[in-house]
Amino acid sequence: MAVAADGSSVGSFSGGCIETAVVAEALECLTANAPREVRFGAGSPYLDIRLPCGGGIDLLFSPLPNARVAEELFDAVSARQPFTISMDSKTGTIISAPTEQDQAVVQDGSVVHVNHVPAAKIVIFGHGAVVENLTNLTASYGLDCEILTPDLDIVDRITTEGGTAHRLKTPAASDLYQPDPWTACVFYFHDHDWEAELMKQALASPAFYIGAMGSFKTHDTRKGLLSEAGVSDADIKRMKAPIGIIPSTRDPATLALSTLTEIIETYHSRFSRIHGTIAL
């Protein structure tokens, strides 16, 4: 969470139950130009502020001496690069570095190191109503999303609404997408002739999630085609199919929700241990 000298703020810690007090503390921190640690909830000097869970939150308030650190963090987030921010609770020193720790937060004396990994990003391949359903859900959830489809009408509708979509002219591998370790690749093709080379490309990438629509029988056929295309058994096993947490659903809206839920659960299972929360 960041607080400016005029009292405006972005970000949240508790969904609303302590934010007013956090802003007040941050403004006092800016006036004093010195870091401070404050507890909210159980054991806090704020007797009238309670968290619904009954627990407590320990927050470190650190004034930014200049815009340099904020600019570095903004650039790292924009470039989808992991980084560590180190804050000294005694001196107020703040530095950032393009590194990745094994834990979300590590305390070394008065210095707190907080690790940040990029947010999940979703790349959707396919055609049909479910493509646009998942696109809309992803936007509502607040994640970046790209669509690659042979359907020009879908491209036109999504780009008109401000989304990112590219037309696939052939089923060959494409340079239109480059998955990083925090990317999920979703395949919603009804015409499975479009799948093999694009899936091969995705399975060779560091994407944390690769899933495909279709029945178990369809996936058995798909595995044979991928094997013929030179994809190893180990890579084929990375694919989630049938996709989603709700079995055998055919409704596009339900399938999209089922898919997004599985992606978010996979992301948090993989990265929550090393995904810290930054308080500035």
Protein backbone atom coordinates (compact mmCIF):
# COMPACT_ATOMS: atom_id res chain seq x y z
CA MET A 1 0.00 0.00 0.00
CA ALA A 2 1.29 3.46 -0.87
CA VAL A 3 0.18 6.72 0.75
CA ALA A 4 0.93 10.20 -0.60
CA ALA A 5 1.42 13.37 1.45
CA ASP A 6 -2.05 14.61 0.45
CA GLY A 7 -3.66 11.52 2.03
CA SER A 8 -4.48 9.73 -1.20
CA SER A 9 -3.60 6.04 -1.30
CA VAL A 10 -3.54 2.93 -3.47
CA GLY A 11 -3.58 -0.68 -2.35
CA SER A 12 -5.15 -2.41 0.62
CA PHE A 13 -4.28 -4.70 3.53
CA SER A 14 -7.58 -5.82 4.93
CA GLY A 15 -10.29 -4.95 2.46
CA GLY A 16 -11.30 -1.79 4.32
CA CYS A 17 -11.33 -2.42 8.08
CA ILE A 18 -7.98 -0.79 8.94
CA GLU A 19 -7.16 1.39 5.93
CA THR A 20 -8.25 4.70 7.51
CA ALA A 21 -5.93 4.13 10.47
CA VAL A 22 -3.13 3.00 8.14
CA VAL A 23 -3.36 6.24 6.15
CA ALA A 24 -3.28 8.27 9.37
CA GLU A 25 -0.15 6.44 10.57
CA ALA A 26 1.49 6.84 7.16
CA LEU A 27 0.93 10.60 7.20
CA GLU A 28 2.49 10.84 10.66
CA CYS A 29 5.41 8.75 9.38
CA LEU A 30 5.90 11.20 6.51
CA THR A 31 5.80 14.18 8.86
CA ALA A 32 8.37 12.56 11.17
CA ASN A 33 10.41 11.36 8.16
CA ALA A 34 11.27 8.19 10.05
CA PRO A 35 10.15 4.53 9.77
CA ARG A 36 7.85 2.98 12.34
CA GLU A 37 6.25 -0.38 13.06
CA VAL A 38 2.61 -0.52 14.11
CA ARG A 39 0.38 -3.45 15.01
CA PHE A 40 -3.29 -3.54 14.06
CA GLY A 41 -5.85 -6.00 15.38
CA ALA A 42 -5.11 -8.29 18.34
CA GLY A 43 -2.54 -6.68 20.65
CA SER A 44 -2.76 -3.27 18.96
CA PRO A 45 -2.90 0.11 20.71
CA TYR A 46 -5.90 0.78 18.46
CA LEU A 47 -8.46 -0.78 20.79
CA ASP A 48 -11.40 0.11 18.56
CA ILE A 49 -9.97 -1.58 15.44
CA ARG A 50 -10.51 -5.31 15.16
CA LEU A 51 -9.89 -7.67 12.27
CA PRO A 52 -12.74 -10.05 11.32
CA CYS A 53 -10.35 -13.00 11.61
CA GLY A 54 -9.44 -12.08 15.19
CA GLY A 55 -5.72 -11.89 14.36
CA GLY A 56 -3.25 -9.06 13.99
CA ILE A 57 -1.17 -7.37 11.28
CA ASP A 58 2.29 -5.89 11.90
CA LEU A 59 3.01 -3.12 9.39
CA LEU A 60 6.29 -1.39 8.63
CA PHE A 61 5.86 2.22 7.50
CA SER A 62 8.81 3.56 5.50
CA PRO A 63 8.99 7.04 3.99
CA LEU A 64 10.43 7.12 0.48
CA PRO A 65 13.42 9.50 0.42
CA ASN A 66 13.02 10.01 -3.34
CA ALA A 67 11.20 8.62 -6.34
CA ARG A 68 14.07 6.42 -7.51
CA VAL A 69 12.98 3.26 -5.65
CA ALA A 70 9.37 3.68 -6.74
CA GLU A 71 10.51 4.08 -10.35
CA GLU A 72 12.67 0.94 -10.11
CA LEU A 73 9.76 -1.07 -8.71
CA PHE A 74 7.38 0.27 -11.36
CA ASP A 75 9.82 -0.66 -14.12
CA ALA A 76 10.30 -4.18 -12.69
CA VAL A 77 6.54 -4.77 -12.41
CA SER A 78 5.99 -3.46 -15.95
CA ALA A 79 8.72 -5.76 -17.28
CA ARG A 80 7.29 -8.76 -15.35
CA GLN A 81 10.56 -9.29 -13.48
CA PRO A 82 10.85 -10.66 -9.93
CA PHE A 83 12.55 -8.42 -7.41
CA THR A 84 13.37 -8.06 -3.73
CA ILE A 85 12.82 -4.86 -1.78
CA SER A 86 14.86 -4.45 1.40
CA MET A 87 13.68 -2.04 4.12
CA ASP A 88 15.60 -1.10 7.27
CA SER A 89 13.12 -0.50 10.09
CA LYS A 90 15.69 1.57 12.02
CA THR A 91 17.36 3.76 9.42
CA GLY A 92 14.56 3.85 6.83
CA THR A 93 16.92 2.80 4.02
CA ILE A 94 15.06 1.20 1.09
CA ILE A 95 16.73 -0.61 -1.81
CA SER A 96 15.47 -2.92 -4.54
CA ALA A 97 17.24 -5.59 -6.55
CA PRO A 98 16.20 -7.94 -9.41
CA THR A 99 16.45 -11.11 -7.34
CA GLU A 100 14.15 -13.88 -6.15
CA GLN A 101 14.24 -15.41 -2.67
CA ASP A 102 12.92 -18.75 -1.48
CA GLN A 103 10.51 -17.16 1.00
CA ALA A 104 8.06 -14.29 0.82
CA VAL A 105 9.56 -12.33 3.70
CA VAL A 106 12.96 -12.71 5.34
CA GLN A 107 14.02 -10.64 8.37
CA ASP A 108 17.72 -10.06 9.01
CA GLY A 109 18.07 -7.96 12.15
CA SER A 110 16.40 -4.61 11.44
CA VAL A 111 16.26 -5.27 7.68
CA VAL A 112 13.18 -6.85 6.14
CA HIS A 113 13.53 -8.40 2.67
CA VAL A 114 10.27 -8.78 0.76
CA ASN A 115 10.11 -10.87 -2.41
CA HIS A 116 7.74 -10.07 -5.24
CA VAL A 117 6.92 -12.22 -8.27
CA PRO A 118 4.86 -11.06 -11.28
CA ALA A 119 1.11 -11.50 -11.30
CA ALA A 120 -0.42 -14.31 -13.29
CA LYS A 121 -1.02 -13.63 -16.98
CA ILE A 122 -3.34 -15.66 -19.20
CA VAL A 123 -2.93 -16.43 -22.90
CA ILE A 124 -6.04 -17.92 -24.48
CA PHE A 125 -5.93 -19.89 -27.73
CA GLY A 126 -9.10 -20.96 -29.47
CA HIS A 127 -12.51 -19.97 -30.74
CA GLY A 128 -16.07 -19.98 -29.51
CA ALA A 129 -18.01 -18.23 -26.75
CA VAL A 130 -15.83 -19.57 -23.94
CA VAL A 131 -12.87 -17.51 -25.22
CA GLU A 132 -14.73 -14.26 -24.64
CA ASN A 133 -16.22 -15.51 -21.36
CA LEU A 134 -12.76 -16.21 -19.93
CA THR A 135 -11.47 -12.90 -21.32
CA ASN A 136 -14.19 -10.99 -19.46
CA LEU A 137 -13.67 -12.91 -16.22
CA THR A 138 -9.91 -12.38 -16.37
CA ALA A 139 -10.38 -8.63 -16.87
CA SER A 140 -12.79 -8.47 -13.92
CA TYR A 141 -10.27 -10.32 -11.75
CA GLY A 142 -7.58 -7.81 -12.76
CA LEU A 143 -5.14 -9.95 -14.72
CA ASP A 144 -3.53 -9.28 -18.08
CA CYS A 145 -4.90 -11.46 -20.85
CA GLU A 146 -4.00 -12.06 -24.50
CA ILE A 147 -6.10 -13.91 -27.04
CA LEU A 148 -4.83 -15.77 -30.12
CA THR A 149 -7.65 -16.97 -32.33
CA PRO A 150 -8.40 -17.74 -35.99
CA ASP A 151 -11.78 -16.01 -35.52
CA LEU A 152 -11.52 -12.43 -36.84
CA ASP A 153 -14.87 -11.49 -35.26
CA ILE A 154 -13.51 -12.33 -31.80
CA VAL A 155 -10.40 -10.26 -32.50
CA ASP A 156 -12.54 -7.29 -33.56
CA ARG A 157 -14.85 -7.47 -30.54
CA ILE A 158 -12.05 -7.84 -28.00
CA THR A 159 -9.84 -5.11 -29.45
CA THR A 160 -12.83 -2.76 -29.74
CA GLU A 161 -13.38 -3.22 -25.99
CA GLY A 162 -9.73 -2.40 -25.28
CA GLY A 163 -8.43 -5.96 -24.97
CA THR A 164 -5.43 -7.61 -26.62
CA ALA A 165 -6.17 -10.12 -29.37
CA HIS A 166 -4.28 -11.43 -32.40
CA ARG A 167 -5.55 -13.42 -35.36
CA LEU A 168 -3.95 -16.80 -36.00
CA LYS A 169 -3.75 -17.33 -39.75
CA THR A 170 -2.23 -20.83 -39.57
CA PRO A 171 -1.95 -23.56 -36.91
CA ALA A 172 1.85 -23.24 -36.88
CA ALA A 173 3.89 -22.10 -33.88
CA SER A 174 3.60 -18.35 -33.42
CA ASP A 175 5.87 -15.50 -32.36
CA LEU A 176 2.81 -13.62 -31.08
CA TYR A 177 3.30 -14.97 -27.56
CA GLN A 178 6.29 -15.62 -25.31
CA PRO A 179 5.17 -17.26 -22.04
CA ASP A 180 7.20 -16.50 -18.92
CA PRO A 181 7.13 -18.58 -15.69
CA TRP A 182 4.03 -16.68 -14.50
CA THR A 183 1.96 -17.23 -17.65
CA ALA A 184 -0.97 -19.65 -18.03
CA CYS A 185 -1.73 -20.99 -21.52
CA VAL A 186 -5.34 -22.06 -22.15
CA PHE A 187 -6.48 -23.98 -25.25
CA TYR A 188 -10.15 -23.74 -26.23
CA PHE A 189 -10.09 -25.16 -29.75
CA HIS A 190 -13.07 -27.13 -31.04
CA ASP A 191 -11.09 -27.81 -34.22
CA HIS A 192 -8.15 -29.75 -32.75
CA ASP A 193 -6.11 -29.44 -35.95
CA TRP A 194 -5.10 -26.02 -34.59
CA GLU A 195 -3.58 -27.41 -31.41
CA ALA A 196 -0.45 -29.50 -31.88
CA GLU A 197 2.22 -26.97 -32.88
CA LEU A 198 0.90 -24.21 -30.62
CA MET A 199 0.75 -26.66 -27.70
CA LYS A 200 4.24 -27.90 -28.48
CA GLN A 201 5.47 -24.32 -28.28
CA ALA A 202 3.66 -23.72 -24.98
CA LEU A 203 4.91 -26.98 -23.44
CA ALA A 204 8.50 -26.02 -24.33
CA SER A 205 8.07 -22.73 -22.44
CA PRO A 206 8.35 -22.07 -18.66
CA ALA A 207 4.58 -21.36 -18.40
CA PHE A 208 3.30 -22.43 -14.97
CA TYR A 209 -0.02 -23.74 -16.30
CA ILE A 210 -1.06 -25.27 -19.63
CA GLY A 211 -4.59 -26.57 -19.99
CA ALA A 212 -6.86 -27.77 -22.79
CA MET A 213 -10.59 -28.24 -23.32
CA GLY A 214 -11.99 -31.63 -24.24
CA SER A 215 -12.89 -35.05 -22.87
CA PHE A 216 -10.46 -37.71 -21.63
CA LYS A 217 -10.92 -39.47 -24.97
CA THR A 218 -10.08 -36.27 -26.81
CA HIS A 219 -6.99 -35.82 -24.68
CA ASP A 220 -5.82 -39.36 -25.39
CA THR A 221 -5.93 -38.53 -29.11
CA ARG A 222 -4.21 -35.21 -28.43
CA LYS A 223 -1.37 -36.92 -26.54
CA GLY A 224 -0.73 -39.15 -29.54
CA LEU A 225 -0.54 -36.15 -31.87
CA LEU A 226 1.82 -34.32 -29.51
CA SER A 227 4.03 -37.36 -29.24
CA GLU A 228 4.18 -37.60 -33.04
CA ALA A 229 5.14 -33.91 -33.09
CA GLY A 230 8.15 -34.67 -30.91
CA VAL A 231 6.82 -33.59 -27.50
CA SER A 232 8.25 -35.65 -24.65
CA ASP A 233 6.06 -37.65 -22.28
CA ALA A 234 7.23 -35.44 -19.40
CA ASP A 235 6.06 -32.29 -21.18
CA ILE A 236 2.76 -33.88 -22.20
CA LYS A 237 2.09 -34.70 -18.54
CA ARG A 238 2.36 -30.99 -17.71
CA MET A 239 -0.94 -30.36 -19.47
CA LYS A 240 -4.17 -30.11 -17.47
CA ALA A 241 -6.88 -31.86 -19.44
CA PRO A 242 -9.82 -31.92 -19.21
CA ILE A 243 -9.43 -28.30 -18.11
CA GLY A 244 -10.97 -26.72 -15.00
CA ILE A 245 -12.20 -27.84 -11.58
CA ILE A 246 -15.83 -28.54 -12.59
CA PRO A 247 -15.99 -31.83 -14.50
CA SER A 248 -17.89 -32.33 -17.76
CA THR A 249 -19.32 -28.82 -17.98
CA ARG A 250 -20.32 -27.63 -21.47
CA ASP A 251 -21.72 -24.21 -20.61
CA PRO A 252 -19.17 -21.58 -21.79
CA ALA A 253 -19.58 -19.30 -18.77
CA THR A 254 -19.21 -22.19 -16.32
CA LEU A 255 -16.21 -23.59 -18.20
CA ALA A 256 -14.52 -20.18 -18.14
CA LEU A 257 -15.10 -19.81 -14.38
CA SER A 258 -13.91 -23.39 -13.83
CA THR A 259 -10.74 -22.67 -15.81
CA LEU A 260 -9.93 -19.37 -14.09
CA THR A 261 -10.40 -20.94 -10.66
CA GLU A 262 -7.97 -23.74 -11.51
CA ILE A 263 -5.41 -21.27 -12.87
CA ILE A 264 -5.56 -19.04 -9.77
CA GLU A 265 -5.36 -22.05 -7.43
CA THR A 266 -2.32 -23.36 -9.34
CA TYR A 267 -0.63 -19.95 -9.27
CA HIS A 268 -1.10 -19.51 -5.52
CA SER A 269 -0.02 -23.07 -4.78
CA ARG A 270 3.16 -22.51 -6.80
CA PHE A 271 4.09 -18.94 -5.86
CA SER A 272 2.36 -17.83 -2.62
CA ARG A 273 5.33 -19.02 -0.53
CA ILE A 274 7.61 -16.56 -2.31
CA HIS A 275 5.10 -13.78 -3.05
CA GLY A 276 5.42 -11.09 -0.40
CA THR A 277 3.36 -8.02 0.37
CA ILE A 278 5.07 -4.66 0.13
CA ALA A 279 4.21 -1.80 2.49
CA LEU A 280 5.63 1.60 1.56
